[in-house]
Protein backbone atom coordinates (compact mmCIF):
# COMPACT_ATOMS: atom_id res chain seq x y z
CA UNK A 1 0.00 0.00 0.00
CA UNK A 2 3.10 2.10 0.17
CA UNK A 3 2.89 2.51 -3.63
CA UNK A 4 -0.57 4.03 -3.29
CA UNK A 5 0.56 6.39 -0.54
CA UNK A 6 3.93 7.48 -1.95
CA UNK A 7 3.25 7.42 -5.68
CA UNK A 8 -0.42 8.40 -5.82
CA UNK A 9 -0.93 10.48 -2.67
CA UNK A 10 -3.36 8.14 -0.93
CA UNK A 11 -3.91 8.76 2.76
CA UNK A 12 -3.22 5.88 5.15
CA UNK A 13 -6.97 5.31 5.40
CA UNK A 14 -7.42 5.23 1.64
CA UNK A 15 -4.51 2.81 1.28
CA UNK A 16 -6.11 0.59 3.90
CA UNK A 17 -9.39 0.64 1.93
CA UNK A 18 -7.43 -0.43 -1.15
CA UNK A 19 -5.81 -3.22 0.85
CA UNK A 20 -9.21 -4.42 2.03
CA UNK A 21 -10.54 -4.31 -1.54
CA UNK A 22 -7.59 -6.43 -2.65
CA UNK A 23 -8.29 -8.94 0.11
CA UNK A 24 -11.89 -9.40 -1.05
CA UNK A 25 -11.24 -9.03 -4.78
CA UNK A 26 -12.61 -12.44 -5.75
CA UNK A 27 -15.84 -11.73 -3.90
CA UNK A 28 -16.40 -8.09 -4.81
CA UNK A 29 -13.99 -7.00 -7.56
CA UNK A 30 -13.72 -3.77 -5.59
CA UNK A 31 -10.22 -2.70 -6.65
CA UNK A 32 -11.54 -1.01 -9.82
CA UNK A 33 -13.12 1.83 -7.86
CA UNK A 34 -9.58 2.98 -6.91
CA UNK A 35 -8.29 3.14 -10.50
CA UNK A 36 -9.01 6.81 -11.22
CA UNK A 37 -7.51 7.97 -7.92
CA UNK A 38 -4.41 5.79 -8.22
CA UNK A 39 -3.68 6.52 -11.88
CA UNK A 40 -4.60 10.21 -11.56
CA UNK A 41 -2.50 10.62 -8.43
CA UNK A 42 0.50 8.96 -10.03
CA UNK A 43 0.24 11.15 -13.14
CA UNK A 44 -0.09 14.24 -10.93
CA UNK A 45 3.11 13.16 -9.13
CA UNK A 46 5.09 12.89 -12.37
CA UNK A 47 4.64 9.29 -13.46
CA UNK A 48 3.61 8.58 -17.05
CA UNK A 49 0.05 7.54 -17.71
CA UNK A 50 1.27 4.27 -19.20
CA UNK A 51 3.34 3.45 -16.11
CA UNK A 52 0.43 4.34 -13.81
CA UNK A 53 -1.96 2.12 -15.80
CA UNK A 54 0.51 -0.78 -15.68
CA UNK A 55 0.99 -0.30 -11.94
CA UNK A 56 -2.76 -0.43 -11.39
CA UNK A 57 -3.00 -3.56 -13.55
CA UNK A 58 -0.31 -5.23 -11.47
CA UNK A 59 -2.08 -4.32 -8.24
CA UNK A 60 -5.32 -5.69 -9.69
CA UNK A 61 -3.62 -8.91 -10.77
CA UNK A 62 -2.06 -9.32 -7.35
CA UNK A 63 -5.41 -8.59 -5.75
CA UNK A 64 -7.15 -11.20 -7.88
CA UNK A 65 -4.70 -13.97 -7.07
CA UNK A 66 -1.63 -13.33 -4.93
CA UNK A 67 -3.07 -11.37 -2.05
CA UNK A 68 -6.18 -13.49 -1.32
CA UNK A 69 -4.26 -16.72 -1.82
CA UNK A 70 -1.38 -15.77 0.45
CA UNK A 71 -3.12 -14.03 3.32
CA UNK A 72 -5.51 -16.73 4.62
CA UNK A 73 -2.78 -19.36 4.74
CA UNK A 74 -0.44 -17.07 6.61
CA UNK A 75 -3.06 -16.30 9.21
CA UNK A 76 -4.22 -19.89 9.77
CA UNK A 77 -1.00 -21.31 11.08
CA UNK A 78 2.67 -20.95 10.59
CA UNK A 79 4.59 -23.82 8.96
CA UNK A 80 7.20 -23.17 11.61
CA UNK A 81 4.74 -23.91 14.41
CA UNK A 82 5.86 -26.75 16.65
CA UNK A 83 3.59 -29.68 17.27
CA UNK A 84 3.92 -31.82 20.26
């Protein structure tokens, strides 16, 4: 969410909303509502429109697979947890 805050000027609260949208992407597809703010904020801060669009696409791709797939497993139990 640091990308959203540093590159696009999101507040901490807005970045947290984006994080939550990524976590529920498969259920709600809610990341798309952040596109205009993220891309517009990045362009305003000197990034090219193409780079901003690609960054958003990467966040969306991560939200649709990587984030939801990695987070539940990490929170269930650690593979380093001792049994016995």
